[in-house]
Protein backbone atom coordinates (compact mmCIF):
# COMPACT_ATOMS: atom_id res chain seq x y z
CA MET A 1 126.71 79.43 99.05
CA VAL A 2 126.67 75.67 99.18
CA ALA A 3 130.18 75.33 97.75
CA THR A 4 131.58 77.55 100.49
CA ARG A 5 129.93 75.54 103.26
CA HIS A 6 131.14 72.31 101.61
CA ALA A 7 134.74 73.50 101.43
CA MET A 8 134.74 74.89 104.96
CA GLN A 9 133.76 71.52 106.46
CA ASP A 10 136.28 69.48 104.44
CA PRO A 11 139.40 68.78 106.54
CA ARG A 12 141.43 68.06 103.37
CA ILE A 13 141.25 71.71 102.28
CA ALA A 14 144.47 73.57 103.09
CA VAL A 15 143.87 76.74 101.04
CA PHE A 16 140.51 78.42 100.54
CA ASP A 17 140.23 81.38 98.18
CA ILE A 18 137.04 83.28 97.37
CA GLY A 19 137.29 85.56 94.33
CA MET A 20 135.49 88.87 94.77
CA ARG A 21 135.34 91.78 92.37
CA THR A 22 132.64 94.11 93.66
CA LYS A 23 131.34 95.41 96.98
CA PRO A 24 128.10 93.36 96.69
CA GLU A 25 130.19 90.18 96.17
CA ILE A 26 132.31 91.01 99.21
CA ASP A 27 129.18 91.67 101.31
CA ALA A 28 127.56 88.42 100.14
CA ASN A 29 130.65 86.37 100.97
CA LEU A 30 131.06 87.99 104.38
CA LYS A 31 127.42 87.13 105.13
CA ILE A 32 128.03 83.49 104.14
CA VAL A 33 131.05 83.18 106.43
CA ALA A 34 129.39 85.07 109.31
CA ASP A 35 126.18 82.99 109.16
CA ASP A 36 125.75 79.33 110.04
CA THR A 37 128.29 77.42 107.93
CA THR A 38 126.89 73.97 108.72
CA TYR A 39 126.90 71.76 105.62
CA THR A 40 123.40 70.25 105.48
CA THR A 41 121.79 67.28 103.76
CA GLU A 42 119.98 69.76 101.51
CA ASP A 43 123.33 71.34 100.59
CA ARG A 44 124.72 67.91 99.70
CA ALA A 45 121.74 67.13 97.44
CA LEU A 46 121.91 70.52 95.71
CA LEU A 47 125.66 70.27 95.15
CA ALA A 48 125.33 66.72 93.80
CA GLU A 49 122.61 67.76 91.36
CA TYR A 50 124.53 70.85 90.23
CA SER A 51 127.82 68.94 89.91
CA ALA A 52 126.24 66.22 87.78
CA LYS A 53 124.96 68.84 85.33
CA LEU A 54 128.21 70.81 85.42
CA TYR A 55 130.39 67.78 84.63
CA GLU A 56 128.40 67.24 81.44
CA THR A 57 129.36 70.65 80.01
CA ASP A 58 132.09 70.88 77.38
CA ALA A 59 133.98 73.51 79.38
CA ILE A 60 134.34 71.25 82.43
CA LYS A 61 135.21 68.21 80.29
CA ARG A 62 138.08 70.24 78.82
CA LEU A 63 139.25 71.30 82.30
CA ARG A 64 139.24 67.72 83.54
CA THR A 65 141.27 66.61 80.51
CA GLU A 66 143.78 69.43 80.90
CA GLN A 67 144.22 68.64 84.62
CA ALA A 68 144.69 64.93 83.89
CA ASN A 69 147.30 65.74 81.22
CA ARG A 70 149.14 68.05 83.62
CA ARG A 71 149.26 65.34 86.27
CA ARG A 72 150.89 62.95 83.81
CA ARG A 73 153.50 65.55 82.80
CA ASP A 74 154.33 66.93 86.24
CA SER A 75 155.43 64.18 88.58
CA HIS A 76 155.45 66.59 91.55
CA VAL A 77 151.66 67.01 91.34
CA SER A 78 150.16 64.66 93.88
CA SER A 79 147.14 62.54 93.07
CA THR A 80 145.77 63.61 96.46
CA HIS A 81 144.93 67.11 95.23
CA THR A 82 141.38 68.07 96.10
CA TRP A 83 139.70 70.60 93.84
CA LEU A 84 136.39 72.37 94.32
CA CYS A 85 135.21 74.94 91.85
CA ALA A 86 131.93 76.84 91.82
CA VAL A 87 131.46 78.73 88.59
CA PRO A 88 128.72 81.18 87.66
CA VAL A 89 126.10 79.68 85.37
CA ARG A 90 123.64 81.69 83.31
CA GLY A 91 120.97 80.04 81.22
CA GLY A 92 122.46 76.59 81.76
CA ARG A 93 125.87 77.67 80.39
CA ILE A 94 129.04 78.54 82.22
CA ALA A 95 129.12 82.34 82.24
CA ASN A 96 132.89 82.73 82.27
CA HIS A 97 136.03 80.76 82.94
CA ARG A 98 136.82 82.27 86.34
CA PRO A 99 135.68 80.31 89.37
CA LEU A 100 133.90 82.14 92.16
CA VAL A 101 135.25 79.74 94.76
CA THR A 102 138.28 77.50 94.55
CA ALA A 103 139.76 75.32 97.21
CA HIS A 104 142.60 72.86 96.98
CA LYS A 105 144.87 70.77 99.07
CA LEU A 106 148.50 71.74 98.87
CA ALA A 107 150.71 69.31 96.99
CA GLU A 108 152.28 66.64 99.12
CA PRO A 109 155.70 65.22 98.29
CA GLU A 110 155.51 62.05 96.27
CA PRO A 111 156.96 58.98 98.05
């Protein structure tokens, strides 16, 4: 999975969590981690194309707004948070609200 390889190469990521519900999902994720995890130019292009389409969906626009509102309310949330979310998409629509892969940088104390 491109998102997994992207997150694994990013030095800003402090916590990496892969959600798995079934044995086939576990097997698929183990294969990804056991194989070559090099983040390639092709991965970058695919992730950029997918992200551009994803950010145009209503569901993601709502998430971005909710996150921005939370940052304004909670002063302890650092603006240096890094979020990566790969969600299942079926027929051009987000299949459910649960991400398959999430990664984030732990909050740093505000100066």
